Amino acid sequence: MENQLSVTSNIVPEGLNFNLVNLIDLNKQYISETVRMATLSVTEGFFDPIKALVYAKKGQELFTALEKSIRPIAEDKQRLAKGEVYSIHNTEVAQRESGVKYDFSSCGDVEYEELKARHDELTKELKAREELLKKIVKPTEMVDTNSGETYTVNPPVRSGKLGLTISIK
């Protein structure tokens, strides 16, 4: 698929124009080049970054929901032999096991059960201690319940970044 995108030809009043003839014909190179050109359109000031983000978010929501809806149907209908690869429209489809989980509760392993109980209790204690520490806003004197000694606890370091949230209505 030949790429004939240019920074200025990508701009239309309602959204980014990717000149897609048909989504089924896309390949990784074309997708990568389209993302590069769209990003360039935004960074060069040809397209509003908020509008571009909304455009991307709506496309993501659409295709995520579509994939989630259709995948179970395709997985139920299409059975491939082990190692078989089905090539179609610049993709390879293969069947493989995913989402493997183990349930150890039926093993009857006493040592595992003891470790799991200790782990669960420690996890609960740790979460409770973290909640207590979140409430500390200045250096605070505390007492070690085991030794009786006092020590200073500093507030936890909070980190994060200011970002944008997008809610589609």
N, C-alpha and C. Protein backbone atom coordinates (compact mmCIF):
# COMPACT_ATOMS: atom_id res chain seq x y z
N MET A 1 0.87 -1.17 0.00
CA MET A 1 0.00 0.00 0.00
C MET A 1 0.91 1.23 0.00
N GLU A 2 0.80 2.05 -0.97
CA GLU A 2 1.64 3.22 -1.08
C GLU A 2 1.09 4.35 -0.23
N ASN A 3 1.99 5.03 0.47
CA ASN A 3 1.58 6.10 1.38
C ASN A 3 1.68 7.43 0.67
N GLN A 4 0.57 8.11 0.53
CA GLN A 4 0.56 9.40 -0.13
C GLN A 4 0.08 10.48 0.81
N LEU A 5 0.40 10.33 2.09
CA LEU A 5 -0.02 11.32 3.08
C LEU A 5 0.96 12.49 3.07
N SER A 6 0.44 13.65 3.30
CA SER A 6 1.30 14.80 3.57
C SER A 6 0.69 15.53 4.74
N VAL A 7 1.50 16.32 5.43
CA VAL A 7 1.02 16.97 6.65
C VAL A 7 -0.20 17.82 6.36
N THR A 8 -0.19 18.61 5.33
CA THR A 8 -1.31 19.49 5.07
C THR A 8 -2.53 18.76 4.51
N SER A 9 -2.32 17.64 3.81
CA SER A 9 -3.48 16.94 3.25
C SER A 9 -4.24 16.15 4.32
N ASN A 10 -3.66 16.00 5.51
CA ASN A 10 -4.32 15.25 6.58
C ASN A 10 -5.36 16.07 7.32
N ILE A 11 -5.47 17.35 7.06
CA ILE A 11 -6.31 18.20 7.88
C ILE A 11 -7.66 18.42 7.21
N VAL A 12 -8.70 18.10 7.97
CA VAL A 12 -10.06 18.42 7.57
C VAL A 12 -10.74 19.02 8.77
N PRO A 13 -11.76 19.85 8.59
CA PRO A 13 -12.37 20.53 9.73
C PRO A 13 -12.90 19.59 10.82
N GLU A 14 -13.47 18.43 10.46
CA GLU A 14 -14.11 17.57 11.45
C GLU A 14 -13.14 16.62 12.13
N GLY A 15 -12.01 16.34 11.55
CA GLY A 15 -11.09 15.38 12.16
C GLY A 15 -9.89 15.14 11.30
N LEU A 16 -9.02 14.27 11.76
CA LEU A 16 -7.85 13.91 10.99
C LEU A 16 -8.28 13.00 9.85
N ASN A 17 -7.76 13.25 8.68
CA ASN A 17 -8.10 12.44 7.51
C ASN A 17 -6.93 11.52 7.23
N PHE A 18 -7.10 10.24 7.43
CA PHE A 18 -6.03 9.30 7.22
C PHE A 18 -6.05 8.68 5.83
N ASN A 19 -6.97 9.11 4.99
CA ASN A 19 -7.07 8.60 3.63
C ASN A 19 -7.09 7.07 3.60
N LEU A 20 -7.87 6.48 4.47
CA LEU A 20 -7.95 5.03 4.51
C LEU A 20 -8.96 4.55 3.48
N VAL A 21 -8.49 3.76 2.54
CA VAL A 21 -9.38 3.19 1.55
C VAL A 21 -10.19 2.08 2.20
N ASN A 22 -9.51 1.21 2.96
CA ASN A 22 -10.18 0.10 3.61
C ASN A 22 -9.32 -0.36 4.79
N LEU A 23 -9.88 -0.40 5.97
CA LEU A 23 -9.13 -0.79 7.16
C LEU A 23 -8.53 -2.19 7.05
N ILE A 24 -9.18 -3.08 6.35
CA ILE A 24 -8.72 -4.46 6.26
C ILE A 24 -7.39 -4.57 5.53
N ASP A 25 -7.03 -3.56 4.73
CA ASP A 25 -5.78 -3.59 3.97
C ASP A 25 -4.60 -2.97 4.70
N LEU A 26 -4.81 -2.47 5.92
CA LEU A 26 -3.71 -1.83 6.65
C LEU A 26 -2.62 -2.83 7.01
N ASN A 27 -1.38 -2.32 7.08
CA ASN A 27 -0.27 -3.12 7.59
C ASN A 27 0.48 -2.27 8.61
N LYS A 28 1.43 -2.88 9.32
CA LYS A 28 2.13 -2.17 10.40
C LYS A 28 2.85 -0.93 9.89
N GLN A 29 3.47 -1.02 8.74
CA GLN A 29 4.20 0.12 8.20
C GLN A 29 3.25 1.30 7.93
N TYR A 30 2.12 1.01 7.33
CA TYR A 30 1.15 2.07 7.04
C TYR A 30 0.60 2.68 8.32
N ILE A 31 0.30 1.84 9.29
CA ILE A 31 -0.20 2.34 10.58
C ILE A 31 0.85 3.24 11.23
N SER A 32 2.09 2.78 11.25
CA SER A 32 3.18 3.55 11.85
C SER A 32 3.36 4.89 11.15
N GLU A 33 3.32 4.89 9.85
CA GLU A 33 3.48 6.13 9.08
C GLU A 33 2.29 7.07 9.30
N THR A 34 1.10 6.53 9.40
CA THR A 34 -0.09 7.33 9.64
C THR A 34 -0.01 8.00 11.02
N VAL A 35 0.42 7.24 12.02
CA VAL A 35 0.59 7.81 13.36
C VAL A 35 1.65 8.91 13.33
N ARG A 36 2.76 8.66 12.64
CA ARG A 36 3.82 9.67 12.54
C ARG A 36 3.32 10.95 11.89
N MET A 37 2.57 10.81 10.82
CA MET A 37 2.07 11.99 10.10
C MET A 37 1.02 12.74 10.92
N ALA A 38 0.15 12.00 11.60
CA ALA A 38 -0.86 12.64 12.44
C ALA A 38 -0.19 13.38 13.59
N THR A 39 0.81 12.76 14.20
CA THR A 39 1.55 13.41 15.28
C THR A 39 2.25 14.67 14.77
N LEU A 40 2.82 14.58 13.61
CA LEU A 40 3.47 15.74 13.00
C LEU A 40 2.45 16.86 12.74
N SER A 41 1.26 16.50 12.29
CA SER A 41 0.20 17.49 12.07
C SER A 41 -0.12 18.24 13.36
N VAL A 42 -0.12 17.52 14.47
CA VAL A 42 -0.41 18.13 15.77
C VAL A 42 0.76 18.97 16.24
N THR A 43 1.97 18.40 16.21
CA THR A 43 3.14 19.13 16.73
C THR A 43 3.48 20.35 15.89
N GLU A 44 3.16 20.32 14.62
CA GLU A 44 3.44 21.47 13.75
C GLU A 44 2.32 22.51 13.80
N GLY A 45 1.27 22.23 14.58
CA GLY A 45 0.21 23.22 14.76
C GLY A 45 -0.88 23.19 13.71
N PHE A 46 -0.91 22.18 12.86
CA PHE A 46 -1.94 22.09 11.83
C PHE A 46 -3.25 21.52 12.36
N PHE A 47 -3.18 20.85 13.52
CA PHE A 47 -4.38 20.24 14.09
C PHE A 47 -4.34 20.38 15.60
N ASP A 48 -5.47 20.71 16.20
CA ASP A 48 -5.58 20.91 17.63
C ASP A 48 -5.30 19.60 18.39
N PRO A 49 -4.38 19.62 19.36
CA PRO A 49 -4.03 18.39 20.07
C PRO A 49 -5.19 17.77 20.86
N ILE A 50 -6.06 18.60 21.43
CA ILE A 50 -7.21 18.07 22.17
C ILE A 50 -8.16 17.35 21.21
N LYS A 51 -8.42 17.96 20.06
CA LYS A 51 -9.29 17.31 19.07
C LYS A 51 -8.67 16.00 18.59
N ALA A 52 -7.36 15.99 18.39
CA ALA A 52 -6.68 14.76 17.94
C ALA A 52 -6.78 13.68 19.01
N LEU A 53 -6.63 14.06 20.28
CA LEU A 53 -6.75 13.10 21.37
C LEU A 53 -8.16 12.53 21.45
N VAL A 54 -9.17 13.38 21.29
CA VAL A 54 -10.56 12.93 21.30
C VAL A 54 -10.81 11.98 20.13
N TYR A 55 -10.30 12.34 18.98
CA TYR A 55 -10.43 11.51 17.77
C TYR A 55 -9.84 10.12 18.04
N ALA A 56 -8.62 10.09 18.61
CA ALA A 56 -7.95 8.82 18.90
C ALA A 56 -8.72 8.01 19.95
N LYS A 57 -9.21 8.69 20.99
CA LYS A 57 -9.94 8.01 22.06
C LYS A 57 -11.23 7.37 21.53
N LYS A 58 -11.95 8.11 20.70
CA LYS A 58 -13.19 7.57 20.14
C LYS A 58 -12.90 6.36 19.25
N GLY A 59 -11.85 6.43 18.45
CA GLY A 59 -11.47 5.29 17.62
C GLY A 59 -11.08 4.10 18.47
N GLN A 60 -10.33 4.36 19.53
CA GLN A 60 -9.92 3.29 20.44
C GLN A 60 -11.14 2.63 21.08
N GLU A 61 -12.07 3.43 21.57
CA GLU A 61 -13.28 2.90 22.20
C GLU A 61 -14.08 2.06 21.21
N LEU A 62 -14.24 2.59 20.00
CA LEU A 62 -15.00 1.88 18.97
C LEU A 62 -14.39 0.52 18.67
N PHE A 63 -13.08 0.51 18.39
CA PHE A 63 -12.44 -0.73 17.98
C PHE A 63 -12.22 -1.70 19.13
N THR A 64 -12.03 -1.19 20.34
CA THR A 64 -11.93 -2.07 21.51
C THR A 64 -13.26 -2.78 21.74
N ALA A 65 -14.35 -2.04 21.68
CA ALA A 65 -15.68 -2.64 21.88
C ALA A 65 -16.00 -3.62 20.75
N LEU A 66 -15.64 -3.27 19.53
CA LEU A 66 -15.90 -4.14 18.39
C LEU A 66 -15.11 -5.44 18.52
N GLU A 67 -13.83 -5.33 18.88
CA GLU A 67 -12.99 -6.52 19.03
C GLU A 67 -13.51 -7.40 20.17
N LYS A 68 -13.91 -6.79 21.27
CA LYS A 68 -14.43 -7.54 22.42
C LYS A 68 -15.72 -8.28 22.07
N SER A 69 -16.52 -7.67 21.25
CA SER A 69 -17.80 -8.27 20.85
C SER A 69 -17.62 -9.41 19.85
N ILE A 70 -16.69 -9.23 18.91
CA ILE A 70 -16.54 -10.18 17.82
C ILE A 70 -15.58 -11.32 18.14
N ARG A 71 -14.58 -11.08 18.98
CA ARG A 71 -13.58 -12.11 19.28
C ARG A 71 -14.20 -13.43 19.74
N PRO A 72 -15.14 -13.44 20.70
CA PRO A 72 -15.70 -14.74 21.13
C PRO A 72 -16.40 -15.49 20.00
N ILE A 73 -17.03 -14.75 19.11
CA ILE A 73 -17.71 -15.39 17.98
C ILE A 73 -16.68 -16.03 17.05
N ALA A 74 -15.62 -15.27 16.74
CA ALA A 74 -14.58 -15.79 15.85
C ALA A 74 -13.86 -16.97 16.49
N GLU A 75 -13.58 -16.89 17.81
CA GLU A 75 -12.90 -17.99 18.49
C GLU A 75 -13.76 -19.24 18.54
N ASP A 76 -15.07 -19.06 18.60
CA ASP A 76 -15.98 -20.21 18.63
C ASP A 76 -16.09 -20.85 17.25
N LYS A 77 -16.06 -20.03 16.20
CA LYS A 77 -16.27 -20.53 14.83
C LYS A 77 -14.98 -21.07 14.21
N GLN A 78 -13.86 -20.42 14.48
CA GLN A 78 -12.61 -20.74 13.80
C GLN A 78 -11.73 -21.62 14.67
N ARG A 79 -11.56 -22.85 14.28
CA ARG A 79 -10.68 -23.77 15.00
C ARG A 79 -9.50 -24.11 14.08
N LEU A 80 -8.32 -23.81 14.56
CA LEU A 80 -7.11 -24.11 13.80
C LEU A 80 -6.37 -25.25 14.49
N ALA A 81 -5.67 -26.04 13.70
CA ALA A 81 -4.85 -27.11 14.26
C ALA A 81 -3.66 -26.49 14.97
N LYS A 82 -3.11 -27.21 15.94
CA LYS A 82 -1.96 -26.71 16.68
C LYS A 82 -0.83 -26.38 15.71
N GLY A 83 -0.32 -25.15 15.80
CA GLY A 83 0.77 -24.71 14.92
C GLY A 83 0.30 -24.14 13.59
N GLU A 84 -0.97 -24.32 13.25
CA GLU A 84 -1.49 -23.80 11.98
C GLU A 84 -1.64 -22.29 12.06
N VAL A 85 -1.27 -21.61 10.97
CA VAL A 85 -1.39 -20.16 10.90
C VAL A 85 -2.27 -19.82 9.71
N TYR A 86 -3.24 -18.97 9.96
CA TYR A 86 -4.19 -18.53 8.95
C TYR A 86 -3.78 -17.12 8.54
N SER A 87 -3.35 -16.91 7.30
CA SER A 87 -2.92 -15.59 6.81
C SER A 87 -4.06 -14.94 6.06
N ILE A 88 -4.35 -13.70 6.44
CA ILE A 88 -5.42 -12.95 5.78
C ILE A 88 -5.18 -11.45 5.98
N HIS A 89 -5.28 -10.68 4.93
CA HIS A 89 -5.22 -9.22 4.97
C HIS A 89 -4.06 -8.68 5.81
N ASN A 90 -2.84 -9.05 5.47
CA ASN A 90 -1.65 -8.57 6.17
C ASN A 90 -1.63 -8.95 7.66
N THR A 91 -2.25 -10.06 8.01
CA THR A 91 -2.23 -10.55 9.39
C THR A 91 -1.99 -12.06 9.38
N GLU A 92 -1.58 -12.55 10.52
CA GLU A 92 -1.48 -13.98 10.74
C GLU A 92 -2.32 -14.30 11.96
N VAL A 93 -3.21 -15.27 11.83
CA VAL A 93 -4.08 -15.68 12.92
C VAL A 93 -3.69 -17.09 13.31
N ALA A 94 -3.42 -17.28 14.59
CA ALA A 94 -3.07 -18.60 15.09
C ALA A 94 -3.84 -18.84 16.39
N GLN A 95 -4.12 -20.09 16.65
CA GLN A 95 -4.82 -20.42 17.88
C GLN A 95 -3.78 -20.76 18.94
N ARG A 96 -3.94 -20.18 20.13
CA ARG A 96 -3.06 -20.51 21.23
C ARG A 96 -3.80 -20.33 22.54
N GLU A 97 -3.30 -20.97 23.54
CA GLU A 97 -3.90 -20.87 24.86
C GLU A 97 -3.54 -19.52 25.46
N SER A 98 -4.53 -18.85 26.05
CA SER A 98 -4.26 -17.56 26.68
C SER A 98 -5.01 -17.49 28.00
N GLY A 99 -4.57 -16.61 28.84
CA GLY A 99 -5.24 -16.42 30.12
C GLY A 99 -5.15 -17.64 31.02
N VAL A 100 -4.01 -18.32 31.00
CA VAL A 100 -3.83 -19.53 31.81
C VAL A 100 -3.84 -19.13 33.29
N LYS A 101 -4.61 -19.86 34.06
CA LYS A 101 -4.69 -19.64 35.50
C LYS A 101 -4.62 -20.99 36.20
N TYR A 102 -4.13 -20.97 37.41
CA TYR A 102 -4.08 -22.18 38.23
C TYR A 102 -4.86 -21.94 39.51
N ASP A 103 -5.61 -22.94 39.94
CA ASP A 103 -6.32 -22.90 41.21
C ASP A 103 -5.65 -23.91 42.12
N PHE A 104 -4.90 -23.42 43.10
CA PHE A 104 -4.14 -24.30 43.99
C PHE A 104 -4.96 -24.77 45.19
N SER A 105 -6.19 -24.27 45.33
CA SER A 105 -6.98 -24.61 46.52
C SER A 105 -7.36 -26.09 46.58
N SER A 106 -7.37 -26.76 45.46
CA SER A 106 -7.77 -28.17 45.45
C SER A 106 -6.58 -29.13 45.58
N CYS A 107 -5.36 -28.59 45.70
CA CYS A 107 -4.17 -29.45 45.75
C CYS A 107 -4.05 -30.23 47.06
N GLY A 108 -4.59 -29.68 48.15
CA GLY A 108 -4.47 -30.35 49.43
C GLY A 108 -3.07 -30.26 50.03
N ASP A 109 -2.29 -29.27 49.59
CA ASP A 109 -0.92 -29.08 50.10
C ASP A 109 -0.97 -28.25 51.38
N VAL A 110 -0.67 -28.87 52.51
CA VAL A 110 -0.74 -28.20 53.81
C VAL A 110 0.20 -27.01 53.86
N GLU A 111 1.41 -27.18 53.35
CA GLU A 111 2.40 -26.09 53.38
C GLU A 111 1.90 -24.89 52.56
N TYR A 112 1.33 -25.17 51.40
CA TYR A 112 0.77 -24.09 50.58
C TYR A 112 -0.32 -23.36 51.34
N GLU A 113 -1.23 -24.09 51.96
CA GLU A 113 -2.35 -23.48 52.69
C GLU A 113 -1.85 -22.58 53.81
N GLU A 114 -0.82 -23.03 54.54
CA GLU A 114 -0.24 -22.21 55.63
C GLU A 114 0.38 -20.94 55.07
N LEU A 115 1.16 -21.08 54.01
CA LEU A 115 1.80 -19.90 53.39
C LEU A 115 0.75 -18.92 52.87
N LYS A 116 -0.30 -19.45 52.26
CA LYS A 116 -1.36 -18.60 51.71
C LYS A 116 -2.05 -17.83 52.82
N ALA A 117 -2.35 -18.49 53.94
CA ALA A 117 -3.01 -17.83 55.07
C ALA A 117 -2.11 -16.73 55.64
N ARG A 118 -0.81 -17.00 55.78
CA ARG A 118 0.13 -15.98 56.28
C ARG A 118 0.22 -14.82 55.29
N HIS A 119 0.28 -15.15 54.02
CA HIS A 119 0.36 -14.12 52.98
C HIS A 119 -0.87 -13.21 53.03
N ASP A 120 -2.05 -13.82 53.10
CA ASP A 120 -3.29 -13.04 53.13
C ASP A 120 -3.34 -12.13 54.36
N GLU A 121 -2.92 -12.65 55.51
CA GLU A 121 -2.92 -11.84 56.74
C GLU A 121 -1.92 -10.70 56.64
N LEU A 122 -0.73 -10.98 56.13
CA LEU A 122 0.28 -9.92 55.98
C LEU A 122 -0.17 -8.87 54.97
N THR A 123 -0.82 -9.29 53.90
CA THR A 123 -1.34 -8.35 52.90
C THR A 123 -2.36 -7.42 53.53
N LYS A 124 -3.24 -7.98 54.37
CA LYS A 124 -4.25 -7.18 55.05
C LYS A 124 -3.59 -6.18 56.02
N GLU A 125 -2.60 -6.64 56.78
CA GLU A 125 -1.89 -5.77 57.72
C GLU A 125 -1.14 -4.66 56.98
N LEU A 126 -0.50 -5.02 55.88
CA LEU A 126 0.26 -4.04 55.10
C LEU A 126 -0.66 -2.96 54.55
N LYS A 127 -1.81 -3.34 54.00
CA LYS A 127 -2.77 -2.36 53.48
C LYS A 127 -3.25 -1.43 54.58
N ALA A 128 -3.53 -1.98 55.77
CA ALA A 128 -3.98 -1.15 56.89
C ALA A 128 -2.88 -0.16 57.29
N ARG A 129 -1.63 -0.63 57.32
CA ARG A 129 -0.52 0.27 57.68
C ARG A 129 -0.34 1.36 56.63
N GLU A 130 -0.48 1.01 55.37
CA GLU A 130 -0.36 2.01 54.30
C GLU A 130 -1.45 3.06 54.42
N GLU A 131 -2.67 2.65 54.77
CA GLU A 131 -3.75 3.62 54.98
C GLU A 131 -3.42 4.57 56.12
N LEU A 132 -2.84 4.05 57.20
CA LEU A 132 -2.43 4.90 58.32
C LEU A 132 -1.36 5.89 57.87
N LEU A 133 -0.37 5.40 57.14
CA LEU A 133 0.74 6.25 56.69
C LEU A 133 0.28 7.32 55.71
N LYS A 134 -0.74 7.05 54.90
CA LYS A 134 -1.27 8.04 53.96
C LYS A 134 -1.80 9.27 54.70
N LYS A 135 -2.24 9.08 55.94
CA LYS A 135 -2.83 10.18 56.71
C LYS A 135 -1.77 11.08 57.35
N ILE A 136 -0.51 10.67 57.35
CA ILE A 136 0.56 11.47 57.94
C ILE A 136 0.95 12.57 56.96
N VAL A 137 0.90 13.83 57.43
CA VAL A 137 1.21 14.96 56.56
C VAL A 137 2.46 15.71 57.01
N LYS A 138 2.99 15.38 58.18
CA LYS A 138 4.23 16.00 58.68
C LYS A 138 4.96 14.94 59.51
N PRO A 139 6.28 15.11 59.75
CA PRO A 139 6.99 14.13 60.57
C PRO A 139 6.27 13.90 61.90
N THR A 140 6.07 12.64 62.23
CA THR A 140 5.27 12.27 63.40
C THR A 140 6.02 11.23 64.23
N GLU A 141 6.02 11.44 65.56
CA GLU A 141 6.63 10.48 66.47
C GLU A 141 5.69 9.29 66.65
N MET A 142 6.26 8.07 66.57
CA MET A 142 5.47 6.85 66.78
C MET A 142 6.24 5.95 67.72
N VAL A 143 5.54 4.98 68.28
CA VAL A 143 6.16 4.04 69.21
C VAL A 143 6.14 2.64 68.59
N ASP A 144 7.32 1.99 68.61
CA ASP A 144 7.43 0.62 68.14
C ASP A 144 6.78 -0.27 69.19
N THR A 145 5.71 -0.98 68.82
CA THR A 145 4.96 -1.79 69.78
C THR A 145 5.77 -2.98 70.29
N ASN A 146 6.79 -3.41 69.56
CA ASN A 146 7.62 -4.54 70.00
C ASN A 146 8.69 -4.10 71.00
N SER A 147 9.37 -2.98 70.71
CA SER A 147 10.49 -2.56 71.56
C SER A 147 10.14 -1.43 72.52
N GLY A 148 9.07 -0.71 72.25
CA GLY A 148 8.70 0.43 73.08
C GLY A 148 9.47 1.70 72.73
N GLU A 149 10.37 1.62 71.75
CA GLU A 149 11.16 2.79 71.34
C GLU A 149 10.33 3.69 70.45
N THR A 150 10.65 5.00 70.52
CA THR A 150 9.97 5.95 69.64
C THR A 150 10.84 6.20 68.41
N TYR A 151 10.19 6.55 67.35
CA TYR A 151 10.88 6.87 66.10
C TYR A 151 10.03 7.86 65.32
N THR A 152 10.65 8.52 64.36
CA THR A 152 9.96 9.52 63.55
C THR A 152 9.55 8.92 62.22
N VAL A 153 8.29 9.12 61.89
CA VAL A 153 7.76 8.66 60.61
C VAL A 153 7.49 9.89 59.76
N ASN A 154 8.04 9.89 58.57
CA ASN A 154 7.81 10.99 57.62
C ASN A 154 6.62 10.66 56.74
N PRO A 155 5.96 11.69 56.19
CA PRO A 155 4.84 11.43 55.29
C PRO A 155 5.33 10.65 54.05
N PRO A 156 4.48 9.82 53.49
CA PRO A 156 4.89 9.11 52.27
C PRO A 156 5.04 10.09 51.12
N VAL A 157 5.89 9.74 50.19
CA VAL A 157 6.09 10.57 49.00
C VAL A 157 4.97 10.24 48.03
N ARG A 158 4.23 11.26 47.67
CA ARG A 158 3.12 11.09 46.73
C ARG A 158 3.58 11.55 45.35
N SER A 159 3.26 10.77 44.35
CA SER A 159 3.64 11.15 42.99
C SER A 159 2.45 10.96 42.08
N GLY A 160 2.48 11.58 40.99
CA GLY A 160 1.42 11.50 39.99
C GLY A 160 1.67 12.56 38.95
N LYS A 161 0.80 12.65 38.02
CA LYS A 161 0.92 13.71 37.02
C LYS A 161 -0.47 14.18 36.63
N LEU A 162 -0.52 15.40 36.23
CA LEU A 162 -1.77 15.98 35.78
C LEU A 162 -1.98 15.55 34.33
N GLY A 163 -3.13 14.99 34.05
CA GLY A 163 -3.41 14.52 32.70
C GLY A 163 -4.83 14.86 32.31
N LEU A 164 -5.22 14.36 31.19
CA LEU A 164 -6.56 14.61 30.68
C LEU A 164 -7.39 13.34 30.76
N THR A 165 -8.65 13.49 31.12
CA THR A 165 -9.58 12.36 31.05
C THR A 165 -10.59 12.67 29.94
N ILE A 166 -11.02 11.65 29.30
CA ILE A 166 -11.97 11.83 28.20
C ILE A 166 -13.17 10.93 28.48
N SER A 167 -14.35 11.53 28.53
CA SER A 167 -15.58 10.77 28.73
C SER A 167 -16.42 10.93 27.46
N ILE A 168 -16.69 9.84 26.82
CA ILE A 168 -17.50 9.89 25.61
C ILE A 168 -18.96 9.79 26.01
N LYS A 169 -19.77 10.72 25.52
CA LYS A 169 -21.19 10.77 25.86
C LYS A 169 -22.02 10.20 24.74
